[in-house]
Amino acid sequence: MKNNHKSGGPLGFLKQEYYQSWANYHVKFLNAYAEHNISFWAISTGNEPMSGIIGLPIPAVGWIAFTQKQWVQNNLGPAIRKSAHSKIKLLALDGQRYLLPSYIEIMFESKKVKDYIDGIAVHWYGDNISPSFSLTFTHEQFPEKPILATEASIGVYQKQKVSLGNWERGERYVHSIIQDIENFVTGWVDWNMVLNLEGGPTVYNNPLDAPIIINGTGGEFYKQPMFYAMGHFSKFVHPGSRRIQTQRYSEDVLVAGFLRPDKIKVLVIMNKSSKKRNLTIRNVGSMNKINLTLSRSSFTTILF
């Protein structure tokens, strides 16, 4: 089906004569799960469209924005909307944020594509070379299309794949989540919730770290700092919460604020510094304040 006759790249583009077949395959995939009473909230237009172009060692279909626009407009969009899964959400891009906003701008040149697409999905692997304001800029152009961070994992670039108790990796998660939330991202998804001590199982030799590590031989599991990093958000920021604006005066302290449906305010705070930091929290319109000391290299959640 691809011009390079490989599961991945480089330059692994889908042949145009198979555009409809590839769209139909997505419907058949959903049908197969539906037979087992498993439904989906959303699918994307394809994982990491650049991976099939540059030749990463993973199965991938390469897309440029123009050809993916054609495929969604003429094949995938109609196939999904005419199927039994017509209510499923379609997320565009599902790749690195350095492609924003240009990739989405090109796709949304087609009104049909813009109507088919419900949201925008991003991964975190290029965040070190891509400014976070590209997310805000994309949101400002297309505020009706929510942005969701759909993949993050540690081990892709690290020599040591599984690192038990690694606090810095937990810090990376909190930093990424706060940065995304502060730039209009509506949710954040870890790639692998549970893996074994070798960072697997993996079908293409890509071991990674995970929030929970299973020791199958010892009959144990270990909750990593990454697990607790995610818990600061998933436990305290309830569904239906709304982000509220915060203002900080130190580059070492990151903060994301939320208003829950029960009217409780939540602040998730990260101290990036290797030193303790004293902090005062003030609520606009109130004389009340909260004083606290942040431990070095820490993350803290405040409810009030």
C-alpha atoms as a PDB file:
ATOM      1  CA  MET A   1       0.000   0.000   0.000  1.00  0.00           C
ATOM      2  CA  LYS A   2       3.006   2.311   0.453  1.00  0.00           C
ATOM      3  CA  ASN A   3       5.447   3.474  -2.149  1.00  0.00           C
ATOM      4  CA  ASN A   4       8.513   2.262  -0.218  1.00  0.00           C
ATOM      5  CA  HIS A   5       7.060  -1.217   0.471  1.00  0.00           C
ATOM      6  CA  LYS A   6       8.012  -0.964   4.152  1.00  0.00           C
ATOM      7  CA  SER A   7       5.989  -0.743   7.356  1.00  0.00           C
ATOM      8  CA  GLY A   8       7.831   2.460   8.264  1.00  0.00           C
ATOM      9  CA  GLY A   9       9.991   5.038   6.525  1.00  0.00           C
ATOM     10  CA  PRO A  10      11.865   6.739   5.163  1.00  0.00           C
ATOM     11  CA  LEU A  11       9.600   8.364   2.583  1.00  0.00           C
ATOM     12  CA  GLY A  12       6.848   5.849   3.268  1.00  0.00           C
ATOM     13  CA  PHE A  13       3.821   7.485   1.673  1.00  0.00           C
ATOM     14  CA  LEU A  14       0.481   5.791   1.071  1.00  0.00           C
ATOM     15  CA  LYS A  15      -0.185   5.224  -2.624  1.00  0.00           C
ATOM     16  CA  GLN A  16      -3.148   7.273  -3.765  1.00  0.00           C
ATOM     17  CA  GLU A  17      -4.970   4.248  -5.173  1.00  0.00           C
ATOM     18  CA  TYR A  18      -5.159   2.901  -1.612  1.00  0.00           C
ATOM     19  CA  TYR A  19      -6.558   6.035   0.021  1.00  0.00           C
ATOM     20  CA  GLN A  20     -10.072   4.610   0.255  1.00  0.00           C
ATOM     21  CA  SER A  21      -8.852   1.184   1.353  1.00  0.00           C
ATOM     22  CA  TRP A  22      -6.916   2.789   4.211  1.00  0.00           C
ATOM     23  CA  ALA A  23      -9.984   4.756   5.258  1.00  0.00           C
ATOM     24  CA  ASN A  24     -12.116   1.610   5.103  1.00  0.00           C
ATOM     25  CA  TYR A  25      -9.572  -0.190   7.273  1.00  0.00           C
ATOM     26  CA  HIS A  26     -10.164   2.347  10.037  1.00  0.00           C
ATOM     27  CA  VAL A  27     -13.887   1.589   9.929  1.00  0.00           C
ATOM     28  CA  LYS A  28     -13.198  -2.168  10.001  1.00  0.00           C
ATOM     29  CA  PHE A  29     -10.915  -1.650  13.003  1.00  0.00           C
ATOM     30  CA  LEU A  30     -13.729   0.079  14.877  1.00  0.00           C
ATOM     31  CA  ASN A  31     -16.208  -2.594  13.776  1.00  0.00           C
ATOM     32  CA  ALA A  32     -13.993  -5.372  15.136  1.00  0.00           C
ATOM     33  CA  TYR A  33     -13.858  -3.767  18.575  1.00  0.00           C
ATOM     34  CA  ALA A  34     -17.583  -3.020  18.519  1.00  0.00           C
ATOM     35  CA  GLU A  35     -18.235  -6.753  18.140  1.00  0.00           C
ATOM     36  CA  HIS A  36     -16.718  -7.103  21.615  1.00  0.00           C
ATOM     37  CA  ASN A  37     -18.681  -4.133  23.015  1.00  0.00           C
ATOM     38  CA  ILE A  38     -15.641  -1.861  23.027  1.00  0.00           C
ATOM     39  CA  SER A  39     -16.254   1.669  21.803  1.00  0.00           C
ATOM     40  CA  PHE A  40     -13.926   4.600  21.259  1.00  0.00           C
ATOM     41  CA  TRP A  41     -14.208   8.274  22.106  1.00  0.00           C
ATOM     42  CA  ALA A  42     -11.810   9.361  19.342  1.00  0.00           C
ATOM     43  CA  ILE A  43      -9.288   8.284  16.739  1.00  0.00           C
ATOM     44  CA  SER A  44      -6.625  10.368  15.066  1.00  0.00           C
ATOM     45  CA  THR A  45      -5.868  10.926  11.407  1.00  0.00           C
ATOM     46  CA  GLY A  46      -2.687   8.892  11.886  1.00  0.00           C
ATOM     47  CA  ASN A  47       0.148   8.638  14.363  1.00  0.00           C
ATOM     48  CA  GLU A  48       3.051  11.043  13.794  1.00  0.00           C
ATOM     49  CA  PRO A  49       2.802  11.792  10.059  1.00  0.00           C
ATOM     50  CA  MET A  50       6.474  12.799   9.965  1.00  0.00           C
ATOM     51  CA  SER A  51       7.661   9.426  11.306  1.00  0.00           C
ATOM     52  CA  GLY A  52       6.915   7.709   8.009  1.00  0.00           C
ATOM     53  CA  ILE A  53       8.870  10.393   6.182  1.00  0.00           C
ATOM     54  CA  ILE A  54      12.056  10.683   8.232  1.00  0.00           C
ATOM     55  CA  GLY A  55      12.348   6.954   8.861  1.00  0.00           C
ATOM     56  CA  LEU A  56      11.941   6.306  12.572  1.00  0.00           C
ATOM     57  CA  PRO A  57      12.072   2.562  13.398  1.00  0.00           C
ATOM     58  CA  ILE A  58       8.312   2.251  13.958  1.00  0.00           C
ATOM     59  CA  PRO A  59       5.363   1.347  11.725  1.00  0.00           C
ATOM     60  CA  ALA A  60       4.206   4.606  10.179  1.00  0.00           C
ATOM     61  CA  VAL A  61       2.454   6.173   7.216  1.00  0.00           C
ATOM     62  CA  GLY A  62       4.068   9.367   6.006  1.00  0.00           C
ATOM     63  CA  TRP A  63       1.874  12.361   5.314  1.00  0.00           C
ATOM     64  CA  ILE A  64       2.451  15.960   4.419  1.00  0.00           C
ATOM     65  CA  ALA A  65      -0.363  18.307   5.361  1.00  0.00           C
ATOM     66  CA  PHE A  66      -1.612  18.700   1.781  1.00  0.00           C
ATOM     67  CA  THR A  67      -1.983  14.974   1.063  1.00  0.00           C
ATOM     68  CA  GLN A  68      -3.499  14.246   4.449  1.00  0.00           C
ATOM     69  CA  LYS A  69      -5.978  17.041   3.816  1.00  0.00           C
ATOM     70  CA  GLN A  70      -7.016  15.301   0.588  1.00  0.00           C
ATOM     71  CA  TRP A  71      -7.328  11.923   2.309  1.00  0.00           C
ATOM     72  CA  VAL A  72      -9.430  13.225   5.191  1.00  0.00           C
ATOM     73  CA  GLN A  73     -11.630  15.266   2.850  1.00  0.00           C
ATOM     74  CA  ASN A  74     -12.295  12.564   0.282  1.00  0.00           C
ATOM     75  CA  ASN A  75     -11.833   9.291   2.152  1.00  0.00           C
ATOM     76  CA  LEU A  76     -11.483   9.112   5.926  1.00  0.00           C
ATOM     77  CA  GLY A  77     -13.984  11.812   6.850  1.00  0.00           C
ATOM     78  CA  PRO A  78     -16.827  10.481   4.673  1.00  0.00           C
ATOM     79  CA  ALA A  79     -16.065   6.849   5.610  1.00  0.00           C
ATOM     80  CA  ILE A  80     -16.274   7.536   9.350  1.00  0.00           C
ATOM     81  CA  ARG A  81     -19.311   9.807   9.201  1.00  0.00           C
ATOM     82  CA  LYS A  82     -21.255   7.321   7.060  1.00  0.00           C
ATOM     83  CA  SER A  83     -20.357   4.382   9.317  1.00  0.00           C
ATOM     84  CA  ALA A  84     -21.922   3.084  12.513  1.00  0.00           C
ATOM     85  CA  HIS A  85     -19.251   5.131  14.318  1.00  0.00           C
ATOM     86  CA  SER A  86     -20.308   8.513  12.965  1.00  0.00           C
ATOM     87  CA  LYS A  87     -20.201  10.152  16.414  1.00  0.00           C
ATOM     88  CA  ILE A  88     -16.564   9.296  17.062  1.00  0.00           C
ATOM     89  CA  LYS A  89     -14.194  12.257  17.343  1.00  0.00           C
ATOM     90  CA  LEU A  90     -11.494  12.808  14.724  1.00  0.00           C
ATOM     91  CA  LEU A  91      -8.239  14.386  15.946  1.00  0.00           C
ATOM     92  CA  ALA A  92      -5.791  15.895  13.474  1.00  0.00           C
ATOM     93  CA  LEU A  93      -1.970  15.873  13.469  1.00  0.00           C
ATOM     94  CA  ASP A  94      -1.209  13.498  16.373  1.00  0.00           C
ATOM     95  CA  GLY A  95       2.420  14.544  16.078  1.00  0.00           C
ATOM     96  CA  GLN A  96       4.960  17.019  17.377  1.00  0.00           C
ATOM     97  CA  ARG A  97       3.984  20.590  18.158  1.00  0.00           C
ATOM     98  CA  TYR A  98       6.772  22.025  15.987  1.00  0.00           C
ATOM     99  CA  LEU A  99       4.350  21.352  13.116  1.00  0.00           C
ATOM    100  CA  LEU A 100       1.898  23.865  14.593  1.00  0.00           C
ATOM    101  CA  PRO A 101       0.181  25.897  13.396  1.00  0.00           C
ATOM    102  CA  SER A 102       1.208  25.423   9.742  1.00  0.00           C
ATOM    103  CA  TYR A 103       0.134  21.765   9.456  1.00  0.00           C
ATOM    104  CA  ILE A 104      -3.357  22.536  10.752  1.00  0.00           C
ATOM    105  CA  GLU A 105      -3.609  25.736   8.712  1.00  0.00           C
ATOM    106  CA  ILE A 106      -3.032  23.762   5.519  1.00  0.00           C
ATOM    107  CA  MET A 107      -5.488  21.021   6.463  1.00  0.00           C
ATOM    108  CA  PHE A 108      -8.164  23.537   7.423  1.00  0.00           C
ATOM    109  CA  GLU A 109      -7.916  25.278   4.060  1.00  0.00           C
ATOM    110  CA  SER A 110     -10.597  22.723   3.219  1.00  0.00           C
ATOM    111  CA  LYS A 111     -13.888  23.588   4.912  1.00  0.00           C
ATOM    112  CA  LYS A 112     -14.893  19.926   4.665  1.00  0.00           C
ATOM    113  CA  VAL A 113     -11.774  18.842   6.546  1.00  0.00           C
ATOM    114  CA  LYS A 114     -12.300  21.516   9.170  1.00  0.00           C
ATOM    115  CA  ASP A 115     -15.851  20.248   9.670  1.00  0.00           C
ATOM    116  CA  TYR A 116     -14.722  16.615   9.909  1.00  0.00           C
ATOM    117  CA  ILE A 117     -11.989  17.359  12.461  1.00  0.00           C
ATOM    118  CA  ASP A 118     -13.085  17.718  16.091  1.00  0.00           C
ATOM    119  CA  GLY A 119      -9.748  18.513  17.719  1.00  0.00           C
ATOM    120  CA  ILE A 120      -5.967  18.620  17.469  1.00  0.00           C
ATOM    121  CA  ALA A 121      -3.608  16.035  18.991  1.00  0.00           C
ATOM    122  CA  VAL A 122       0.030  16.710  19.884  1.00  0.00           C
ATOM    123  CA  HIS A 123       3.003  14.693  21.174  1.00  0.00           C
ATOM    124  CA  TRP A 124       5.816  15.929  23.395  1.00  0.00           C
ATOM    125  CA  TYR A 125       8.975  14.592  21.711  1.00  0.00           C
ATOM    126  CA  GLY A 126       9.888  17.826  19.966  1.00  0.00           C
ATOM    127  CA  ASP A 127       9.022  20.146  22.831  1.00  0.00           C
ATOM    128  CA  ASN A 128      12.675  21.015  23.484  1.00  0.00           C
ATOM    129  CA  ILE A 129      12.931  22.592  20.020  1.00  0.00           C
ATOM    130  CA  SER A 130       9.422  24.016  19.798  1.00  0.00           C
ATOM    131  CA  PRO A 131       8.096  26.946  21.839  1.00  0.00           C
ATOM    132  CA  SER A 132       4.989  26.284  23.874  1.00  0.00           C
ATOM    133  CA  PHE A 133       3.305  29.416  22.532  1.00  0.00           C
ATOM    134  CA  SER A 134       2.722  27.554  19.252  1.00  0.00           C
ATOM    135  CA  LEU A 135      -0.094  25.825  21.149  1.00  0.00           C
ATOM    136  CA  THR A 136      -1.619  29.137  22.210  1.00  0.00           C
ATOM    137  CA  PHE A 137      -1.237  30.528  18.699  1.00  0.00           C
ATOM    138  CA  THR A 138      -3.042  27.487  17.285  1.00  0.00           C
ATOM    139  CA  HIS A 139      -5.804  27.825  19.872  1.00  0.00           C
ATOM    140  CA  GLU A 140      -6.272  31.491  19.019  1.00  0.00           C
ATOM    141  CA  GLN A 141      -6.690  30.622  15.348  1.00  0.00           C
ATOM    142  CA  PHE A 142      -9.020  27.682  15.923  1.00  0.00           C
ATOM    143  CA  PRO A 143     -10.568  28.114  19.398  1.00  0.00           C
ATOM    144  CA  GLU A 144     -13.393  25.712  18.585  1.00  0.00           C
ATOM    145  CA  LYS A 145     -10.923  22.818  18.133  1.00  0.00           C
ATOM    146  CA  PRO A 146      -9.651  21.559  21.526  1.00  0.00           C
ATOM    147  CA  ILE A 147      -5.995  20.551  21.748  1.00  0.00           C
ATOM    148  CA  LEU A 148      -5.151  17.260  23.465  1.00  0.00           C
ATOM    149  CA  ALA A 149      -1.662  16.003  24.355  1.00  0.00           C
ATOM    150  CA  THR A 150      -1.988  12.377  23.270  1.00  0.00           C
ATOM    151  CA  GLU A 151       1.474  10.897  23.837  1.00  0.00           C
ATOM    152  CA  ALA A 152       4.377  11.313  26.238  1.00  0.00           C
ATOM    153  CA  SER A 153       6.955   8.763  27.330  1.00  0.00           C
ATOM    154  CA  ILE A 154      10.495   8.629  28.680  1.00  0.00           C
ATOM    155  CA  GLY A 155      13.128   6.291  27.294  1.00  0.00           C
ATOM    156  CA  VAL A 156      13.100   7.249  23.631  1.00  0.00           C
ATOM    157  CA  TYR A 157      16.262   9.336  23.994  1.00  0.00           C
ATOM    158  CA  GLN A 158      17.594   7.882  27.262  1.00  0.00           C
ATOM    159  CA  LYS A 159      20.183   5.097  27.416  1.00  0.00           C
ATOM    160  CA  GLN A 160      18.667   3.731  30.622  1.00  0.00           C
ATOM    161  CA  LYS A 161      15.098   2.845  29.738  1.00  0.00           C
ATOM    162  CA  VAL A 162      13.598   1.884  33.106  1.00  0.00           C
ATOM    163  CA  SER A 163      14.954   3.907  36.025  1.00  0.00           C
ATOM    164  CA  LEU A 164      13.232   2.988  39.275  1.00  0.00           C
ATOM    165  CA  GLY A 165      12.513   5.919  41.567  1.00  0.00           C
ATOM    166  CA  ASN A 166      13.825   8.515  39.130  1.00  0.00           C
ATOM    167  CA  TRP A 167      12.506  11.822  40.494  1.00  0.00           C
ATOM    168  CA  GLU A 168      13.703  13.912  37.556  1.00  0.00           C
ATOM    169  CA  ARG A 169      11.413  11.952  35.250  1.00  0.00           C
ATOM    170  CA  GLY A 170       8.462  12.787  37.462  1.00  0.00           C
ATOM    171  CA  GLU A 171       9.493  16.440  37.306  1.00  0.00           C
ATOM    172  CA  ARG A 172       9.525  16.274  33.528  1.00  0.00           C
ATOM    173  CA  TYR A 173       5.935  15.055  33.532  1.00  0.00           C
ATOM    174  CA  VAL A 174       4.729  17.855  35.809  1.00  0.00           C
ATOM    175  CA  HIS A 175       6.649  20.460  33.824  1.00  0.00           C
ATOM    176  CA  SER A 176       5.135  19.243  30.557  1.00  0.00           C
ATOM    177  CA  ILE A 177       1.582  19.069  31.910  1.00  0.00           C
ATOM    178  CA  ILE A 178       1.709  22.557  33.434  1.00  0.00           C
ATOM    179  CA  GLN A 179       3.267  24.029  30.307  1.00  0.00           C
ATOM    180  CA  ASP A 180       0.606  22.422  28.118  1.00  0.00           C
ATOM    181  CA  ILE A 181      -2.286  23.399  30.379  1.00  0.00           C
ATOM    182  CA  GLU A 182      -1.065  26.994  30.474  1.00  0.00           C
ATOM    183  CA  ASN A 183      -1.182  27.008  26.658  1.00  0.00           C
ATOM    184  CA  PHE A 184      -4.771  25.818  26.221  1.00  0.00           C
ATOM    185  CA  VAL A 185      -4.182  22.059  26.084  1.00  0.00           C
ATOM    186  CA  THR A 186      -7.246  20.300  27.516  1.00  0.00           C
ATOM    187  CA  GLY A 187      -5.716  16.977  28.596  1.00  0.00           C
ATOM    188  CA  TRP A 188      -2.482  15.001  28.781  1.00  0.00           C
ATOM    189  CA  VAL A 189      -2.019  11.282  28.045  1.00  0.00           C
ATOM    190  CA  ASP A 190       0.901   9.046  29.043  1.00  0.00           C
ATOM    191  CA  TRP A 191       1.825   6.479  26.394  1.00  0.00           C
ATOM    192  CA  ASN A 192       2.445   3.495  28.686  1.00  0.00           C
ATOM    193  CA  MET A 193       0.782   3.303  32.066  1.00  0.00           C
ATOM    194  CA  VAL A 194       2.304  -0.076  32.961  1.00  0.00           C
ATOM    195  CA  LEU A 195       5.447  -1.833  31.674  1.00  0.00           C
ATOM    196  CA  ASN A 196       7.820  -4.523  32.937  1.00  0.00           C
ATOM    197  CA  LEU A 197      11.351  -4.173  34.317  1.00  0.00           C
ATOM    198  CA  GLU A 198      12.794  -4.267  30.803  1.00  0.00           C
ATOM    199  CA  GLY A 199      10.470  -1.518  29.582  1.00  0.00           C
ATOM    200  CA  GLY A 200       8.289  -3.867  27.575  1.00  0.00           C
ATOM    201  CA  PRO A 201       6.534  -5.641  26.123  1.00  0.00           C
ATOM    202  CA  THR A 202       7.290  -3.961  22.822  1.00  0.00           C
ATOM    203  CA  VAL A 203       6.680  -5.218  19.297  1.00  0.00           C
ATOM    204  CA  TYR A 204       9.498  -3.285  17.641  1.00  0.00           C
ATOM    205  CA  ASN A 205      12.321  -3.131  20.210  1.00  0.00           C
ATOM    206  CA  ASN A 206      11.369   0.190  21.738  1.00  0.00           C
ATOM    207  CA  PRO A 207      11.609  -0.268  25.544  1.00  0.00           C
ATOM    208  CA  LEU A 208      10.475   2.685  27.651  1.00  0.00           C
ATOM    209  CA  ASP A 209       9.888   3.770  31.230  1.00  0.00           C
ATOM    210  CA  ALA A 210       6.392   3.925  32.732  1.00  0.00           C
ATOM    211  CA  PRO A 211       4.533   5.293  35.772  1.00  0.00           C
ATOM    212  CA  ILE A 212       4.016   1.725  37.031  1.00  0.00           C
ATOM    213  CA  ILE A 213       6.636  -1.011  36.611  1.00  0.00           C
ATOM    214  CA  ILE A 214       5.751  -4.684  37.027  1.00  0.00           C
ATOM    215  CA  ASN A 215       8.192  -7.195  38.498  1.00  0.00           C
ATOM    216  CA  GLY A 216       6.634 -10.371  37.158  1.00  0.00           C
ATOM    217  CA  THR A 217       9.157 -12.685  38.806  1.00  0.00           C
ATOM    218  CA  GLY A 218       8.802 -11.138  42.242  1.00  0.00           C
ATOM    219  CA  GLY A 219       5.061 -10.587  41.996  1.00  0.00           C
ATOM    220  CA  GLU A 220       5.486  -6.884  42.736  1.00  0.00           C
ATOM    221  CA  PHE A 221       4.738  -3.554  41.145  1.00  0.00           C
ATOM    222  CA  TYR A 222       6.406  -0.194  41.722  1.00  0.00           C
ATOM    223  CA  LYS A 223       4.755   3.211  41.569  1.00  0.00           C
ATOM    224  CA  GLN A 224       7.226   5.596  40.007  1.00  0.00           C
ATOM    225  CA  PRO A 225       7.525   9.369  40.597  1.00  0.00           C
ATOM    226  CA  MET A 226       5.836   9.713  37.197  1.00  0.00           C
ATOM    227  CA  PHE A 227       2.768   7.999  38.696  1.00  0.00           C
ATOM    228  CA  TYR A 228       2.516  10.551  41.491  1.00  0.00           C
ATOM    229  CA  ALA A 229       3.244  13.396  39.079  1.00  0.00           C
ATOM    230  CA  MET A 230       0.166  12.472  37.076  1.00  0.00           C
ATOM    231  CA  GLY A 231      -1.798  11.915  40.285  1.00  0.00           C
ATOM    232  CA  HIS A 232      -1.413  15.549  41.295  1.00  0.00           C
ATOM    233  CA  PHE A 233      -3.642  16.333  38.326  1.00  0.00           C
ATOM    234  CA  SER A 234      -5.852  13.267  37.877  1.00  0.00           C
ATOM    235  CA  LYS A 235      -6.783  13.017  41.566  1.00  0.00           C
ATOM    236  CA  PHE A 236      -7.467  16.664  42.326  1.00  0.00           C
ATOM    237  CA  VAL A 237      -8.514  18.185  38.988  1.00  0.00           C
ATOM    238  CA  HIS A 238     -11.936  16.622  38.477  1.00  0.00           C
ATOM    239  CA  PRO A 239     -13.715  16.197  35.130  1.00  0.00           C
ATOM    240  CA  GLY A 240     -15.460  19.413  34.200  1.00  0.00           C
ATOM    241  CA  SER A 241     -12.830  21.608  35.849  1.00  0.00           C
ATOM    242  CA  ARG A 242     -11.823  24.826  34.134  1.00  0.00           C
ATOM    243  CA  ARG A 243      -8.373  26.346  33.975  1.00  0.00           C
ATOM    244  CA  ILE A 244      -8.086  29.682  35.754  1.00  0.00           C
ATOM    245  CA  GLN A 245      -5.482  32.331  35.121  1.00  0.00           C
ATOM    246  CA  THR A 246      -2.507  32.537  37.455  1.00  0.00           C
ATOM    247  CA  GLN A 247       0.370  34.963  37.745  1.00  0.00           C
ATOM    248  CA  ARG A 248       3.816  34.065  39.033  1.00  0.00           C
ATOM    249  CA  TYR A 249       6.926  36.094  39.749  1.00  0.00           C
ATOM    250  CA  SER A 250       9.689  33.484  39.576  1.00  0.00           C
ATOM    251  CA  GLU A 251      11.029  31.462  36.655  1.00  0.00           C
ATOM    252  CA  ASP A 252      11.765  28.632  39.094  1.00  0.00           C
ATOM    253  CA  VAL A 253       8.126  28.183  40.079  1.00  0.00           C
ATOM    254  CA  LEU A 254       5.510  26.858  37.656  1.00  0.00           C
ATOM    255  CA  VAL A 255       1.818  26.807  38.498  1.00  0.00           C
ATOM    256  CA  ALA A 256      -1.435  25.701  36.894  1.00  0.00           C
ATOM    257  CA  GLY A 257      -4.754  26.751  38.410  1.00  0.00           C
ATOM    258  CA  PHE A 258      -8.178  25.138  38.105  1.00  0.00           C
ATOM    259  CA  LEU A 259     -11.731  25.742  39.287  1.00  0.00           C
ATOM    260  CA  ARG A 260     -13.537  22.467  39.941  1.00  0.00           C
ATOM    261  CA  PRO A 261     -17.292  21.938  39.471  1.00  0.00           C
ATOM    262  CA  ASP A 262     -17.638  21.911  43.288  1.00  0.00           C
ATOM    263  CA  LYS A 263     -16.169  25.473  43.316  1.00  0.00           C
ATOM    264  CA  ILE A 264     -12.917  24.359  44.949  1.00  0.00           C
ATOM    265  CA  LYS A 265      -9.802  25.953  43.467  1.00  0.00           C
ATOM    266  CA  VAL A 266      -6.774  23.764  42.758  1.00  0.00           C
ATOM    267  CA  LEU A 267      -3.197  24.922  42.278  1.00  0.00           C
ATOM    268  CA  VAL A 268      -0.565  22.454  41.073  1.00  0.00           C
ATOM    269  CA  ILE A 269       2.819  24.019  41.780  1.00  0.00           C
ATOM    270  CA  MET A 270       6.298  22.926  40.734  1.00  0.00           C
ATOM    271  CA  ASN A 271       9.542  24.231  42.214  1.00  0.00           C
ATOM    272  CA  LYS A 272      12.228  23.652  39.585  1.00  0.00           C
ATOM    273  CA  SER A 273      14.967  25.092  41.784  1.00  0.00           C
ATOM    274  CA  SER A 274      17.496  23.042  43.743  1.00  0.00           C
ATOM    275  CA  LYS A 275      16.691  25.333  46.682  1.00  0.00           C
ATOM    276  CA  LYS A 276      13.601  25.802  48.832  1.00  0.00           C
ATOM    277  CA  ARG A 277      11.238  28.567  47.782  1.00  0.00           C
ATOM    278  CA  ASN A 278       8.880  30.593  49.961  1.00  0.00           C
ATOM    279  CA  LEU A 279       5.560  31.276  48.308  1.00  0.00           C
ATOM    280  CA  THR A 280       2.534  33.450  49.011  1.00  0.00           C
ATOM    281  CA  ILE A 281      -0.775  32.656  47.322  1.00  0.00           C
ATOM    282  CA  ARG A 282      -3.264  35.486  46.982  1.00  0.00           C
ATOM    283  CA  ASN A 283      -6.764  35.197  45.557  1.00  0.00           C
ATOM    284  CA  VAL A 284      -7.915  38.160  43.471  1.00  0.00           C
ATOM    285  CA  GLY A 285     -10.631  40.088  45.279  1.00  0.00           C
ATOM    286  CA  SER A 286      -9.780  38.643  48.687  1.00  0.00           C
ATOM    287  CA  MET A 287      -7.538  39.773  51.528  1.00  0.00           C
ATOM    288  CA  ASN A 288      -6.797  36.167  52.457  1.00  0.00           C
ATOM    289  CA  LYS A 289      -3.441  34.639  51.634  1.00  0.00           C
ATOM    290  CA  ILE A 290      -1.623  31.326  51.997  1.00  0.00           C
ATOM    291  CA  ASN A 291       2.067  31.184  52.905  1.00  0.00           C
ATOM    292  CA  LEU A 292       4.042  28.017  52.300  1.00  0.00           C
ATOM    293  CA  THR A 293       7.540  26.754  51.665  1.00  0.00           C
ATOM    294  CA  LEU A 294       8.175  24.614  48.606  1.00  0.00           C
ATOM    295  CA  SER A 295      10.764  21.868  48.971  1.00  0.00           C
ATOM    296  CA  ARG A 296      13.527  21.853  46.385  1.00  0.00           C
ATOM    297  CA  SER A 297      12.746  20.045  43.124  1.00  0.00           C
ATOM    298  CA  SER A 298       9.196  19.374  44.216  1.00  0.00           C
ATOM    299  CA  PHE A 299       5.595  19.461  43.087  1.00  0.00           C
ATOM    300  CA  THR A 300       2.760  20.410  45.419  1.00  0.00           C
ATOM    301  CA  THR A 301      -1.027  20.661  45.137  1.00  0.00           C
ATOM    302  CA  ILE A 302      -3.068  23.230  47.069  1.00  0.00           C
ATOM    303  CA  LEU A 303      -6.873  23.109  47.441  1.00  0.00           C
ATOM    304  CA  PHE A 304      -8.808  26.077  48.803  1.00  0.00           C
END
